Amino acid sequence: MGYATGQFGKNHLGDRDEHLPSNHGFDEFFGNLYHLNAEDEPENEDYSKDPAFAERFGPRGVIHSLADGMIEDTGPLNRKRMETIDEEVTERALGFIESQGTMHMHRALIFLAAISLTHTASGADGNKLIRILESGQVAFGSFVREKTPEGARELGENAKLDFLFYDMEHGAFDVPTLELFLKALRAGTATCGGGAHTVIVRIPPVHDDPAAAKERIEALIEAGADGVALPHIMNAEEAAKAVQWIEAATDRMWPGNPEGDFLSFMMIEDRDSVDHAEEIIRTERVSIFSPGPGSLRGAYGGDMDAVQAAVAKVLAGCKAASVPCANTARESDVVAKVKAGFRLLIVQGEALDLGRKAARR
């Protein structure tokens, strides 16, 4: 009797026939074999157009295979197909489940779905926050308190928000929980008013463990995050290294790629980094900089005049470099921060409405 086994979605254990799930215990497999940026590389202008190169080095398409040896390449996962691949995989997966219910009612079912979590739209048009920044408006976001599908849906229903700040610096670096959150958020895109909220994920500082930071950046890109926040950037060399890691993992980082949809968010929140803020902010192709007022309070021993001076120095550096500057805001200071020129504000409660009114949104 045995089990009915199917795997649908992404599989990153090798792209040769012998690596396919259908050769390792699964009755059926349908999905892609690479990170998404590897599969859209053939559409890049500098990618070789030589058929022999594509035959030898190019990525395989979306594969459908069976345990009996049937292997079908259903075509490339190009940028256009990425817009609907989740629906395509879901349809195949549901069809497999339904077929087992009608054909093999005596068999138990083992089923794995690893949805690719592509964006609802590709390029900058698919990133709500980038659209707002490019239009010259002020964007408003919220910290994520409940990292659950229910929490995602609740935040997604608030059409006044533009982005979400998801913390993975403190506590476990839990990618599966993030993926569930993103899937629930994007499933409610129709209720979000202009697209799903952009999700920026904060990870531990780069200098704590550079190798781990690089791996975390790659994992977030693969999971479908819209951006990565890097706290406690200490100097320009560290910022430049982080840019290199991101660009090695994806060619979609904005504004280095004007059509990109991935964001780098770097935080200046230590005394030494404030002293070198102008140099750090001149790092090329960083999407957003932010002073970290909470950490700066600790760095300056609670001296709020020094904290305000540090925040003002980072903001001035961002304006000089024409880079968006982010900050947190409360009801008492959100209007002033809009007028000061902050382009992104993380708010809560009535500060959201007050800020939007001040920004004429």
Protein backbone atom coordinates (compact mmCIF):
# COMPACT_ATOMS: atom_id res chain seq x y z
CA MET A 1 0.00 0.00 0.00
CA GLY A 2 2.70 2.57 1.01
CA TYR A 3 2.46 6.35 0.94
CA ALA A 4 1.53 8.82 -1.79
CA THR A 5 4.36 11.40 -1.80
CA GLY A 6 4.58 14.73 -3.59
CA GLN A 7 6.83 17.80 -3.43
CA PHE A 8 5.83 21.12 -5.00
CA GLY A 9 7.72 24.41 -5.09
CA LYS A 10 11.43 25.08 -4.68
CA ASN A 11 14.11 22.43 -4.23
CA HIS A 12 17.73 23.52 -3.78
CA LEU A 13 19.54 20.20 -3.45
CA GLY A 14 21.06 20.19 -6.94
CA ASP A 15 19.82 20.63 -10.50
CA ARG A 16 20.84 17.33 -12.11
CA ASP A 17 18.30 14.60 -12.74
CA GLU A 18 19.77 12.47 -9.96
CA HIS A 19 19.06 15.27 -7.46
CA LEU A 20 15.35 15.57 -8.22
CA PRO A 21 12.92 14.67 -5.41
CA SER A 22 11.30 12.07 -7.71
CA ASN A 23 14.59 10.16 -7.53
CA HIS A 24 14.62 10.35 -3.74
CA GLY A 25 11.34 8.91 -2.58
CA PHE A 26 8.72 11.30 -3.98
CA ASP A 27 6.13 10.09 -6.49
CA GLU A 28 5.89 13.53 -8.10
CA PHE A 29 7.78 16.83 -8.14
CA PHE A 30 6.91 20.18 -9.69
CA GLY A 31 9.03 23.25 -9.03
CA ASN A 32 12.17 25.31 -9.51
CA LEU A 33 15.73 24.33 -8.63
CA TYR A 34 17.47 27.65 -7.92
CA HIS A 35 17.30 30.97 -6.13
CA LEU A 36 15.00 33.23 -8.16
CA ASN A 37 17.78 35.66 -9.13
CA ALA A 38 19.64 32.77 -10.82
CA GLU A 39 16.62 32.06 -12.99
CA ASP A 40 16.13 35.61 -14.22
CA GLU A 41 19.83 36.11 -15.04
CA PRO A 42 19.37 35.07 -18.72
CA GLU A 43 17.25 38.22 -19.16
CA ASN A 44 20.10 40.51 -18.07
CA GLU A 45 21.66 42.61 -20.84
CA ASP A 46 25.16 41.28 -20.16
CA TYR A 47 24.15 37.60 -20.15
CA SER A 48 25.62 35.60 -23.03
CA LYS A 49 23.27 35.06 -25.98
CA ASP A 50 25.37 32.12 -27.22
CA PRO A 51 23.13 29.00 -27.38
CA ALA A 52 26.09 26.81 -26.49
CA PHE A 53 26.69 28.85 -23.33
CA ALA A 54 23.02 28.58 -22.35
CA GLU A 55 23.05 24.83 -22.98
CA ARG A 56 26.10 24.30 -20.79
CA PHE A 57 25.65 26.91 -18.05
CA GLY A 58 22.08 28.20 -18.19
CA PRO A 59 19.48 27.32 -15.53
CA ARG A 60 16.91 24.64 -16.14
CA GLY A 61 13.28 25.67 -16.22
CA VAL A 62 10.45 24.64 -13.91
CA ILE A 63 10.63 20.85 -13.70
CA HIS A 64 7.79 18.32 -13.56
CA SER A 65 9.03 14.82 -12.80
CA LEU A 66 7.63 11.45 -11.70
CA ALA A 67 9.16 8.49 -9.92
CA ASP A 68 8.76 6.37 -13.07
CA GLY A 69 11.50 8.42 -14.74
CA MET A 70 9.42 10.99 -16.60
CA ILE A 71 11.13 14.42 -16.51
CA GLU A 72 9.61 17.43 -18.24
CA ASP A 73 11.07 20.94 -18.40
CA THR A 74 7.93 23.10 -18.50
CA GLY A 75 9.81 26.24 -19.54
CA PRO A 76 11.95 28.96 -17.96
CA LEU A 77 11.00 30.73 -14.75
CA ASN A 78 11.49 34.16 -16.27
CA ARG A 79 10.46 37.44 -14.69
CA LYS A 80 7.00 37.35 -16.21
CA ARG A 81 6.32 33.83 -14.99
CA MET A 82 7.57 34.77 -11.51
CA GLU A 83 4.46 36.95 -11.14
CA THR A 84 2.21 33.87 -11.18
CA ILE A 85 4.43 30.92 -10.25
CA ASP A 86 2.99 30.63 -6.73
CA GLU A 87 -0.50 30.20 -8.16
CA GLU A 88 0.83 27.67 -10.69
CA VAL A 89 2.55 25.61 -7.99
CA THR A 90 -0.50 25.78 -5.73
CA GLU A 91 -2.77 24.55 -8.53
CA ARG A 92 -0.46 21.59 -9.21
CA ALA A 93 -0.21 20.78 -5.51
CA LEU A 94 -3.97 20.83 -4.99
CA GLY A 95 -4.41 18.67 -8.07
CA PHE A 96 -2.03 16.10 -6.60
CA ILE A 97 -3.94 16.01 -3.30
CA GLU A 98 -7.27 15.68 -5.08
CA SER A 99 -5.98 12.86 -7.28
CA GLN A 100 -4.90 10.89 -4.23
CA GLY A 101 -8.36 11.25 -2.73
CA THR A 102 -10.03 9.79 -5.80
CA MET A 103 -7.46 7.29 -7.07
CA HIS A 104 -5.68 5.99 -3.97
CA MET A 105 -8.00 6.31 -1.02
CA HIS A 106 -6.20 3.41 0.70
CA ARG A 107 -2.82 5.20 0.68
CA ALA A 108 -1.50 7.58 3.32
CA LEU A 109 -0.29 10.95 2.00
CA ILE A 110 3.06 12.70 2.55
CA PHE A 111 3.03 16.15 0.98
CA LEU A 112 5.62 18.98 0.95
CA ALA A 113 4.89 22.43 -0.48
CA ALA A 114 7.73 24.98 -0.56
CA ILE A 115 6.17 27.98 -2.27
CA SER A 116 8.70 30.35 -3.84
CA LEU A 117 7.13 33.48 -2.30
CA THR A 118 7.76 35.68 -5.33
CA HIS A 119 6.51 39.24 -5.23
CA THR A 120 3.01 40.10 -6.43
CA ALA A 121 4.74 42.19 -9.08
CA SER A 122 8.37 42.34 -10.13
CA GLY A 123 10.63 45.38 -10.15
CA ALA A 124 10.15 48.67 -8.33
CA ASP A 125 6.45 48.70 -9.20
CA GLY A 126 6.08 45.70 -6.90
CA ASN A 127 7.63 47.44 -3.89
CA LYS A 128 5.19 49.85 -2.29
CA LEU A 129 7.87 51.71 -0.32
CA ILE A 130 10.06 52.35 -3.37
CA ARG A 131 7.11 53.79 -5.28
CA ILE A 132 6.47 56.23 -2.42
CA LEU A 133 10.12 57.26 -2.10
CA GLU A 134 10.44 57.79 -5.84
CA SER A 135 7.36 60.02 -5.77
CA GLY A 136 8.95 62.26 -3.13
CA GLN A 137 6.40 61.44 -0.43
CA VAL A 138 6.97 60.50 3.22
CA ALA A 139 6.44 56.80 4.00
CA PHE A 140 4.96 55.50 7.24
CA GLY A 141 5.58 52.11 8.80
CA SER A 142 5.10 50.03 11.91
CA PHE A 143 7.13 47.62 13.98
CA VAL A 144 5.89 44.03 13.72
CA ARG A 145 4.77 42.93 17.18
CA GLU A 146 2.95 39.69 16.30
CA LYS A 147 5.03 37.54 13.95
CA THR A 148 2.11 35.31 13.06
CA PRO A 149 -0.16 34.96 10.02
CA GLU A 150 -2.91 36.60 12.06
CA GLY A 151 -0.60 39.50 12.92
CA ALA A 152 0.34 39.83 9.24
CA ARG A 153 -3.27 39.95 8.14
CA GLU A 154 -4.11 42.57 10.77
CA LEU A 155 -1.25 44.82 9.67
CA GLY A 156 -2.07 44.19 6.03
CA GLU A 157 -5.59 45.50 6.52
CA ASN A 158 -4.23 48.90 7.55
CA ALA A 159 -4.02 50.69 4.20
CA LYS A 160 -2.44 53.75 5.84
CA LEU A 161 0.81 51.85 6.40
CA ASP A 162 3.47 51.60 3.70
CA PHE A 163 6.08 49.33 5.25
CA LEU A 164 6.74 47.00 8.18
CA PHE A 165 9.90 46.66 10.27
CA TYR A 166 10.42 43.01 11.24
CA ASP A 167 13.04 42.37 13.93
CA MET A 168 15.30 39.32 13.68
CA GLU A 169 18.22 40.94 15.49
CA HIS A 170 16.90 39.94 18.91
CA GLY A 171 15.86 36.34 19.49
CA ALA A 172 15.98 33.45 17.04
CA PHE A 173 16.76 33.94 13.36
CA ASP A 174 13.57 32.14 12.36
CA VAL A 175 13.15 32.10 8.57
CA PRO A 176 10.15 29.69 8.42
CA THR A 177 8.14 32.01 10.70
CA LEU A 178 9.09 34.95 8.48
CA GLU A 179 7.99 33.06 5.36
CA LEU A 180 4.59 32.31 6.89
CA PHE A 181 4.23 35.96 7.85
CA LEU A 182 5.09 37.14 4.32
CA LYS A 183 2.73 34.66 2.70
CA ALA A 184 -0.18 35.72 4.91
CA LEU A 185 0.57 39.40 4.34
CA ARG A 186 0.74 39.06 0.57
CA ALA A 187 -2.33 36.86 0.39
CA GLY A 188 -4.28 39.92 1.52
CA THR A 189 -2.72 42.27 -1.04
CA ALA A 190 -6.12 43.26 -2.39
CA THR A 191 -7.00 44.84 0.96
CA CYS A 192 -3.72 46.69 1.41
CA GLY A 193 -4.45 49.71 -0.76
CA GLY A 194 -1.83 49.96 -3.52
CA GLY A 195 -0.06 46.68 -2.86
CA ALA A 196 1.28 44.64 0.03
CA HIS A 197 3.29 46.50 2.64
CA THR A 198 7.04 46.42 2.11
CA VAL A 199 8.75 44.24 4.74
CA ILE A 200 12.24 45.23 5.95
CA VAL A 201 13.93 42.67 8.21
CA ARG A 202 16.54 43.68 10.80
CA ILE A 203 19.35 41.18 11.46
CA PRO A 204 22.22 41.18 14.00
CA PRO A 205 25.14 43.58 13.36
CA VAL A 206 27.57 42.73 10.59
CA HIS A 207 30.66 43.02 12.82
CA ASP A 208 29.30 40.48 15.32
CA ASP A 209 29.82 37.67 12.80
CA PRO A 210 30.48 38.73 9.18
CA ALA A 211 30.08 35.23 7.73
CA ALA A 212 26.77 34.73 9.51
CA ALA A 213 25.58 38.19 8.39
CA LYS A 214 26.28 37.31 4.75
CA GLU A 215 24.35 34.04 5.11
CA ARG A 216 21.45 35.82 6.80
CA ILE A 217 21.22 38.37 3.99
CA GLU A 218 21.10 35.55 1.43
CA ALA A 219 18.44 33.72 3.47
CA LEU A 220 16.22 36.81 3.68
CA ILE A 221 16.43 37.41 -0.06
CA GLU A 222 15.53 33.78 -0.70
CA ALA A 223 12.65 33.96 1.79
CA GLY A 224 11.11 36.88 -0.07
CA ALA A 225 11.85 39.83 2.24
CA ASP A 226 11.73 43.25 0.57
CA GLY A 227 14.77 44.61 2.37
CA VAL A 228 17.38 44.05 5.07
CA ALA A 229 18.15 46.41 7.95
CA LEU A 230 21.73 46.32 9.21
CA PRO A 231 22.11 47.82 12.71
CA HIS A 232 25.25 49.35 14.24
CA ILE A 233 27.10 50.00 10.99
CA MET A 234 30.47 51.17 12.29
CA ASN A 235 32.28 52.54 9.24
CA ALA A 236 32.17 52.98 5.47
CA GLU A 237 34.13 49.77 4.86
CA GLU A 238 31.50 47.74 6.70
CA ALA A 239 28.69 49.44 4.77
CA ALA A 240 30.43 48.79 1.44
CA LYS A 241 30.98 45.14 2.33
CA ALA A 242 27.28 44.71 3.11
CA VAL A 243 26.40 46.28 -0.25
CA GLN A 244 28.70 43.78 -1.97
CA TRP A 245 27.04 40.85 -0.20
CA ILE A 246 23.55 42.00 -1.15
CA GLU A 247 24.50 42.61 -4.77
CA ALA A 248 26.17 39.20 -4.94
CA ALA A 249 22.90 37.61 -3.82
CA THR A 250 20.55 39.66 -6.01
CA ASP A 251 20.74 42.21 -8.81
CA ARG A 252 17.50 43.79 -7.59
CA MET A 253 18.84 46.28 -5.02
CA TRP A 254 17.41 49.77 -5.43
CA PRO A 255 18.56 52.40 -6.32
CA GLY A 256 21.73 50.84 -7.74
CA ASN A 257 19.29 49.06 -10.03
CA PRO A 258 16.63 51.73 -10.75
CA GLU A 259 14.18 48.95 -11.61
CA GLY A 260 15.08 46.95 -8.51
CA ASP A 261 12.74 46.03 -5.67
CA PHE A 262 15.08 45.15 -2.79
CA LEU A 263 16.17 47.66 -0.13
CA SER A 264 19.24 48.06 2.05
CA PHE A 265 18.56 49.91 5.32
CA MET A 266 21.66 50.83 7.32
CA MET A 267 21.58 52.14 10.88
CA ILE A 268 24.08 54.59 12.39
CA GLU A 269 23.68 54.28 16.16
CA ASP A 270 27.06 54.38 17.89
CA ARG A 271 29.30 57.31 18.86
CA ASP A 272 32.12 56.28 16.55
CA SER A 273 29.80 55.79 13.59
CA VAL A 274 28.15 59.17 14.20
CA ASP A 275 31.62 60.75 14.13
CA HIS A 276 32.07 59.23 10.64
CA ALA A 277 28.46 59.56 9.53
CA GLU A 278 29.13 61.62 6.40
CA GLU A 279 31.68 59.10 5.14
CA ILE A 280 29.36 56.16 5.84
CA ILE A 281 26.41 57.83 4.14
CA ARG A 282 28.47 58.43 1.01
CA THR A 283 28.67 54.65 0.53
CA GLU A 284 27.29 54.06 -2.96
CA ARG A 285 23.99 52.32 -3.70
CA VAL A 286 22.64 52.12 -0.13
CA SER A 287 18.87 52.56 -0.20
CA ILE A 288 18.18 54.11 3.23
CA PHE A 289 20.09 55.30 6.29
CA SER A 290 18.72 55.79 9.79
CA PRO A 291 19.97 57.03 13.15
CA GLY A 292 18.94 54.64 15.91
CA PRO A 293 17.61 56.88 18.69
CA GLY A 294 17.22 54.06 21.20
CA SER A 295 20.79 52.82 20.84
CA LEU A 296 22.09 56.39 20.66
CA ARG A 297 20.57 57.13 24.07
CA GLY A 298 22.70 54.34 25.50
CA ALA A 299 25.75 55.40 23.51
CA TYR A 300 25.56 58.96 24.87
CA GLY A 301 24.67 57.94 28.42
CA GLY A 302 21.18 59.42 28.24
CA ASP A 303 22.40 62.88 27.17
CA MET A 304 19.39 63.81 25.00
CA ASP A 305 21.03 66.96 23.64
CA ALA A 306 23.87 64.81 22.30
CA VAL A 307 21.36 62.28 20.92
CA GLN A 308 19.44 65.00 19.09
CA ALA A 309 22.68 66.40 17.68
CA ALA A 310 23.64 62.93 16.45
CA VAL A 311 20.25 62.40 14.81
CA ALA A 312 20.48 65.83 13.17
CA LYS A 313 23.98 65.01 11.85
CA VAL A 314 22.77 61.78 10.22
CA LEU A 315 19.75 63.55 8.70
CA ALA A 316 21.95 66.32 7.32
CA GLY A 317 24.31 63.75 5.80
CA CYS A 318 21.41 61.97 4.13
CA LYS A 319 20.09 65.21 2.66
CA ALA A 320 23.55 66.12 1.35
CA ALA A 321 23.87 62.69 -0.30
CA SER A 322 20.23 62.61 -1.48
CA VAL A 323 19.60 59.37 0.42
CA PRO A 324 16.28 58.79 2.25
CA CYS A 325 16.59 59.03 6.03
CA ALA A 326 14.38 57.03 8.43
CA ASN A 327 13.49 57.48 12.08
CA THR A 328 10.92 56.56 14.68
CA ALA A 329 8.26 59.07 15.71
CA ARG A 330 5.65 59.58 18.42
CA GLU A 331 2.50 61.67 18.53
CA SER A 332 4.48 64.47 20.15
CA ASP A 333 7.16 64.78 17.46
CA VAL A 334 5.88 63.19 14.25
CA VAL A 335 4.82 66.49 12.67
CA ALA A 336 8.19 68.04 13.44
CA LYS A 337 10.01 65.05 11.95
CA VAL A 338 7.96 65.25 8.76
CA LYS A 339 8.85 68.95 8.46
CA ALA A 340 12.51 68.22 9.25
CA GLY A 341 12.77 66.05 6.14
CA PHE A 342 12.71 62.44 7.31
CA ARG A 343 11.46 60.32 4.42
CA LEU A 344 10.45 57.23 6.42
CA LEU A 345 8.88 57.23 9.87
CA ILE A 346 8.08 54.21 12.04
CA VAL A 347 5.03 55.15 14.08
CA GLN A 348 2.19 53.76 16.14
CA GLY A 349 -1.20 54.90 17.39
CA GLU A 350 -2.37 58.39 16.50
CA ALA A 351 1.09 59.34 15.22
CA LEU A 352 0.19 57.59 11.95
CA ASP A 353 -2.76 59.86 11.20
CA LEU A 354 -0.96 62.97 12.44
CA GLY A 355 2.07 62.18 10.30
CA ARG A 356 0.07 61.45 7.17
CA LYS A 357 -1.82 64.70 7.58
CA ALA A 358 1.41 66.65 7.99
CA ALA A 359 2.81 64.93 4.89
CA ARG A 360 -0.43 65.66 2.98
CA ARG A 361 -1.10 62.03 2.31
